[in-house]
Amino acid sequence: MDDGEWLLIAEFARRCRLPVSTLRYYDRVRLLPPASVDPVTGYRRYRAGQLPTAVTIARLRAAGTSPEVIARILRGGLAAASALADERRRLNEEIAERTRSLAYLDGLSQLASLEPGVPHQVELPPMQVPALSFSADFTALTATVVRSIAALRTELRRRQQLPPQVGWGALLPLDLEERVEGHVFACNGSTVPADGLAGIALPSGPAFEIAHAGGHDDLSSSYHHVLTTVGHSGFRPAGNVIERYSSPSQDYPLRVRIHVPVDLAEG
């Protein structure tokens, strides 16, 4: 290929397998201006050496990269390396989200696993457990809980205080806000927290429990079911709720026991 060869826009578009309208768009956003524009006819002319750049832009656009980020990448150097790293993180996050969505869709074929369990009243014993606090945006709550449980497991293992059989859970506010403050905890049935690690007292006394099997996004149906039962049973929710996980992951189906502490309703 003669890199210095001049090509009109139609031929250039043919060579890089792009529509002419796409090349005009690249020109408008200053990603790939033509090498020259005839002042009389307005004809755009490109150099053959611009073909690899056109292909690179097309591939980045197909990956969802914005024109602003593409411009940083095309400039090269440290800015390009940083932009490429950011794009890689973005795509990995999208892949993870799509994978969770696929798992959710696959699970919809198993309707029985999505049906909420039957709420029933239980008595929660007093329990002090090792815990880590967290603060998360509501939209990142699930991911934050998973990361926090992983951090607590690592800390217990480092202290050589991770029991062979351990349950994991989260203490969450009954009413969620845009910013959620809570705790994750480990429980092996003991009422004694790990030495030197902050502990919290879990709610005790009367509560209603419901078993959930499905996705994180389906938890609302189980909460609706158990809270409706609480109201119809002459009680009212009291304080924070407890979620106990059979597997602290974002996999599908998720298996959770939800505990809603209660008081007798007034009147």
Protein backbone atom coordinates (compact mmCIF):
# COMPACT_ATOMS: atom_id res chain seq x y z
CA MET A 1 0.00 0.00 0.00
CA ASP A 2 1.28 3.45 -0.91
CA ASP A 3 0.73 5.41 2.31
CA GLY A 4 0.93 8.65 0.36
CA GLU A 5 -1.80 7.63 -2.07
CA TRP A 6 -4.67 10.11 -2.19
CA LEU A 7 -8.19 8.72 -1.91
CA LEU A 8 -11.54 10.40 -2.28
CA ILE A 9 -13.94 9.72 0.57
CA ALA A 10 -15.92 7.08 -1.32
CA GLU A 11 -12.81 5.07 -2.17
CA PHE A 12 -11.40 5.52 1.33
CA ALA A 13 -14.70 4.28 2.80
CA ARG A 14 -14.58 1.26 0.48
CA ARG A 15 -11.03 0.43 1.50
CA CYS A 16 -11.72 0.52 5.25
CA ARG A 17 -15.21 -1.03 4.92
CA LEU A 18 -17.04 1.86 6.54
CA PRO A 19 -20.02 3.92 5.36
CA VAL A 20 -19.25 7.37 4.00
CA SER A 21 -21.61 8.79 6.63
CA THR A 22 -19.43 7.25 9.37
CA LEU A 23 -16.33 8.93 7.97
CA ARG A 24 -18.17 12.25 7.88
CA TYR A 25 -19.11 11.70 11.54
CA TYR A 26 -15.46 10.97 12.44
CA ASP A 27 -14.60 14.26 10.76
CA ARG A 28 -17.27 16.19 12.67
CA VAL A 29 -16.05 14.92 16.03
CA ARG A 30 -12.42 15.52 14.99
CA LEU A 31 -11.35 11.91 15.28
CA LEU A 32 -10.31 11.49 11.65
CA PRO A 33 -10.35 14.66 9.58
CA PRO A 34 -9.49 14.23 5.91
CA ALA A 35 -5.95 15.04 4.86
CA SER A 36 -7.31 17.83 2.68
CA VAL A 37 -10.60 19.42 1.63
CA ASP A 38 -10.92 21.08 -1.76
CA PRO A 39 -11.94 24.71 -1.03
CA VAL A 40 -13.99 24.88 -4.25
CA THR A 41 -15.70 21.49 -4.50
CA GLY A 42 -15.61 20.53 -0.82
CA TYR A 43 -14.31 17.11 -1.78
CA ARG A 44 -12.62 15.29 1.09
CA ARG A 45 -9.37 13.53 0.34
CA TYR A 46 -7.62 11.07 2.58
CA ARG A 47 -4.19 9.51 2.58
CA ALA A 48 -4.02 5.72 2.36
CA GLY A 49 -1.89 5.87 5.50
CA GLN A 50 -5.01 6.95 7.44
CA LEU A 51 -6.72 3.59 6.82
CA PRO A 52 -5.32 1.86 9.97
CA THR A 53 -6.54 4.78 12.09
CA ALA A 54 -10.02 4.49 10.59
CA VAL A 55 -10.12 0.77 11.40
CA THR A 56 -8.92 1.38 14.98
CA ILE A 57 -11.60 4.01 15.55
CA ALA A 58 -14.28 1.69 14.16
CA ARG A 59 -13.24 -1.14 16.46
CA LEU A 60 -13.18 1.11 19.52
CA ARG A 61 -16.57 2.56 18.65
CA ALA A 62 -17.95 -0.99 18.28
CA ALA A 63 -16.70 -1.67 21.82
CA GLY A 64 -18.67 1.33 23.09
CA THR A 65 -15.71 3.65 23.55
CA SER A 66 -16.68 7.32 23.48
CA PRO A 67 -15.13 9.73 20.94
CA GLU A 68 -13.43 11.61 23.77
CA VAL A 69 -11.68 8.47 25.01
CA ILE A 70 -10.78 7.41 21.46
CA ALA A 71 -9.10 10.77 20.95
CA ARG A 72 -6.97 10.14 24.06
CA ILE A 73 -6.01 6.70 22.77
CA LEU A 74 -5.05 8.02 19.35
CA ARG A 75 -2.75 10.61 20.91
CA GLY A 76 -0.61 7.78 22.30
CA GLY A 77 1.75 7.91 25.27
CA LEU A 78 0.73 7.65 28.92
CA ALA A 79 -2.69 9.16 28.26
CA ALA A 80 -3.44 6.33 25.82
CA ALA A 81 -2.24 3.66 28.25
CA SER A 82 -4.44 5.09 31.00
CA ALA A 83 -7.44 5.34 28.68
CA LEU A 84 -7.02 1.74 27.51
CA ALA A 85 -6.80 0.52 31.11
CA ASP A 86 -10.02 2.41 31.94
CA GLU A 87 -11.77 0.88 28.93
CA ARG A 88 -10.65 -2.60 29.94
CA ARG A 89 -12.14 -2.10 33.42
CA ARG A 90 -15.35 -0.78 31.92
CA LEU A 91 -15.71 -3.75 29.58
CA ASN A 92 -14.95 -6.24 32.38
CA GLU A 93 -17.67 -4.63 34.50
CA GLU A 94 -20.11 -4.84 31.59
CA ILE A 95 -19.21 -8.49 31.00
CA ALA A 96 -19.79 -9.27 34.68
CA GLU A 97 -23.14 -7.49 34.62
CA ARG A 98 -24.20 -9.28 31.42
CA THR A 99 -23.12 -12.62 32.93
CA ARG A 100 -25.31 -11.96 35.97
CA SER A 101 -28.19 -11.00 33.67
CA LEU A 102 -27.77 -14.23 31.70
CA ALA A 103 -27.79 -16.24 34.90
CA TYR A 104 -30.96 -14.43 35.96
CA LEU A 105 -32.66 -15.22 32.64
CA ASP A 106 -31.60 -18.86 32.89
CA GLY A 107 -33.05 -18.98 36.39
CA LEU A 108 -36.42 -17.67 35.22
CA SER A 109 -37.02 -21.06 33.63
CA GLN A 110 -36.91 -22.53 37.13
CA LEU A 111 -39.93 -20.70 38.47
CA ALA A 112 -40.13 -22.89 41.53
CA SER A 113 -36.77 -21.56 42.72
CA LEU A 114 -38.08 -18.01 42.44
CA GLU A 115 -41.19 -18.53 44.51
CA PRO A 116 -40.77 -17.04 47.99
CA GLY A 117 -40.76 -19.37 50.96
CA VAL A 118 -43.39 -19.36 53.67
CA PRO A 119 -42.70 -16.77 56.40
CA HIS A 120 -42.80 -18.09 59.95
CA GLN A 121 -42.09 -16.69 63.38
CA VAL A 122 -38.81 -17.55 65.12
CA GLU A 123 -36.94 -16.50 68.25
CA LEU A 124 -33.48 -15.08 67.58
CA PRO A 125 -30.97 -15.80 70.37
CA PRO A 126 -28.60 -13.09 71.61
CA MET A 127 -25.42 -13.31 69.58
CA GLN A 128 -22.19 -11.31 69.36
CA VAL A 129 -20.35 -11.84 66.07
CA PRO A 130 -17.16 -10.59 64.38
CA ALA A 131 -18.09 -7.98 61.81
CA LEU A 132 -16.89 -5.34 59.40
CA SER A 133 -18.83 -2.16 58.70
CA PHE A 134 -19.43 -0.87 55.19
CA SER A 135 -20.93 2.13 53.44
CA ALA A 136 -22.19 1.79 49.89
CA ASP A 137 -24.24 3.52 47.24
CA PHE A 138 -27.54 1.70 46.89
CA THR A 139 -26.70 0.72 43.30
CA ALA A 140 -23.46 -0.93 44.49
CA LEU A 141 -24.91 -2.59 47.61
CA THR A 142 -24.69 -6.20 46.40
CA ALA A 143 -21.11 -5.87 45.15
CA THR A 144 -20.07 -4.09 48.37
CA VAL A 145 -21.54 -6.83 50.58
CA VAL A 146 -19.72 -9.51 48.57
CA ARG A 147 -16.40 -7.63 48.78
CA SER A 148 -16.85 -6.94 52.48
CA ILE A 149 -17.51 -10.61 53.27
CA ALA A 150 -14.37 -11.52 51.31
CA ALA A 151 -12.40 -8.95 53.36
CA LEU A 152 -13.80 -10.33 56.64
CA ARG A 153 -12.92 -13.88 55.62
CA THR A 154 -9.38 -12.78 54.78
CA GLU A 155 -9.02 -11.02 58.13
CA LEU A 156 -10.28 -14.02 60.10
CA ARG A 157 -7.96 -16.32 58.16
CA ARG A 158 -5.03 -13.98 58.82
CA ARG A 159 -5.79 -14.14 62.54
CA GLN A 160 -6.17 -17.93 62.27
CA GLN A 161 -9.70 -17.54 63.61
CA LEU A 162 -11.64 -18.82 60.62
CA PRO A 163 -13.65 -21.83 61.81
CA PRO A 164 -14.17 -24.89 59.57
CA GLN A 165 -17.89 -24.23 59.41
CA VAL A 166 -18.86 -20.58 59.19
CA GLY A 167 -21.95 -18.72 58.07
CA TRP A 168 -21.94 -15.28 56.53
CA GLY A 169 -24.48 -12.53 56.71
CA ALA A 170 -25.26 -8.85 56.58
CA LEU A 171 -27.01 -6.53 59.01
CA LEU A 172 -28.92 -3.98 56.95
CA PRO A 173 -31.30 -1.12 57.64
CA LEU A 174 -34.97 -1.90 57.22
CA ASP A 175 -35.43 1.21 55.06
CA LEU A 176 -32.83 1.68 52.35
CA GLU A 177 -31.54 5.10 51.34
CA GLU A 178 -29.32 6.20 48.46
CA ARG A 179 -26.39 5.59 50.83
CA VAL A 180 -26.56 2.36 52.82
CA GLU A 181 -24.65 1.81 56.08
CA GLY A 182 -24.41 -1.72 57.39
CA HIS A 183 -22.24 -4.60 58.58
CA VAL A 184 -21.22 -7.98 57.27
CA PHE A 185 -20.58 -10.69 59.84
CA ALA A 186 -19.34 -14.22 60.35
CA CYS A 187 -21.13 -16.72 62.55
CA ASN A 188 -20.21 -20.24 63.64
CA GLY A 189 -22.93 -20.61 66.25
CA SER A 190 -20.76 -19.13 68.99
CA THR A 191 -21.70 -16.00 70.89
CA VAL A 192 -18.05 -14.96 71.26
CA PRO A 193 -16.49 -12.71 68.61
CA ALA A 194 -13.01 -13.27 67.22
CA ASP A 195 -10.24 -11.93 69.47
CA GLY A 196 -9.17 -8.42 68.62
CA LEU A 197 -11.78 -7.98 65.88
CA ALA A 198 -14.71 -5.62 66.21
CA GLY A 199 -17.95 -7.36 67.00
CA ILE A 200 -21.61 -6.44 66.84
CA ALA A 201 -24.66 -7.72 68.65
CA LEU A 202 -27.21 -9.15 66.25
CA PRO A 203 -30.88 -8.39 66.92
CA SER A 204 -32.47 -10.92 69.24
CA GLY A 205 -35.99 -11.82 70.28
CA PRO A 206 -39.08 -12.41 68.14
CA ALA A 207 -38.62 -12.20 64.38
CA PHE A 208 -40.12 -13.49 61.17
CA GLU A 209 -38.00 -15.60 58.82
CA ILE A 210 -38.35 -16.33 55.14
CA ALA A 211 -36.15 -18.47 52.88
CA HIS A 212 -35.23 -16.92 49.55
CA ALA A 213 -33.84 -18.68 46.47
CA GLY A 214 -33.31 -16.62 43.35
CA GLY A 215 -31.33 -13.56 42.38
CA HIS A 216 -30.33 -10.48 44.34
CA ASP A 217 -32.85 -8.48 42.32
CA ASP A 218 -35.59 -10.90 43.43
CA LEU A 219 -35.05 -10.24 47.13
CA SER A 220 -37.73 -7.58 47.03
CA SER A 221 -40.42 -10.21 46.43
CA SER A 222 -39.36 -12.14 49.54
CA TYR A 223 -39.20 -8.94 51.60
CA HIS A 224 -42.69 -8.03 50.38
CA HIS A 225 -43.98 -11.46 51.36
CA VAL A 226 -42.47 -11.51 54.85
CA LEU A 227 -43.36 -7.88 55.67
CA THR A 228 -46.95 -8.48 54.56
CA THR A 229 -47.09 -11.46 56.91
CA VAL A 230 -45.62 -9.37 59.74
CA GLY A 231 -48.35 -6.77 59.30
CA HIS A 232 -51.14 -9.33 59.14
CA SER A 233 -49.84 -11.07 62.28
CA GLY A 234 -50.25 -8.05 64.54
CA PHE A 235 -46.55 -7.15 64.66
CA ARG A 236 -44.43 -4.34 63.27
CA PRO A 237 -40.83 -4.47 62.02
CA ALA A 238 -38.30 -3.34 64.62
CA GLY A 239 -34.79 -2.23 63.77
CA ASN A 240 -32.35 -3.71 61.29
CA VAL A 241 -32.90 -6.84 59.25
CA ILE A 242 -30.54 -9.80 58.95
CA GLU A 243 -29.64 -11.59 55.74
CA ARG A 244 -27.82 -14.92 56.16
CA TYR A 245 -26.23 -16.34 53.00
CA SER A 246 -25.62 -19.97 52.19
CA SER A 247 -23.02 -18.75 49.67
CA PRO A 248 -21.71 -15.15 49.85
CA SER A 249 -21.54 -14.59 46.10
CA GLN A 250 -23.39 -12.91 43.29
CA ASP A 251 -24.11 -16.27 41.61
CA TYR A 252 -27.57 -17.46 40.69
CA PRO A 253 -29.55 -18.80 42.42
CA LEU A 254 -28.79 -16.97 45.65
CA ARG A 255 -30.00 -18.67 48.84
CA VAL A 256 -30.74 -16.38 51.77
CA ARG A 257 -32.58 -16.54 55.05
CA ILE A 258 -34.10 -13.16 55.83
CA HIS A 259 -34.86 -12.30 59.47
CA VAL A 260 -37.09 -9.33 60.27
CA PRO A 261 -37.12 -8.56 64.04
CA VAL A 262 -40.55 -7.50 65.28
CA ASP A 263 -42.41 -5.82 68.12
CA LEU A 264 -46.08 -6.08 68.95
CA ALA A 265 -47.97 -3.40 67.00
CA GLU A 266 -49.55 -0.64 69.04
CA GLY A 267 -53.29 -0.77 69.49
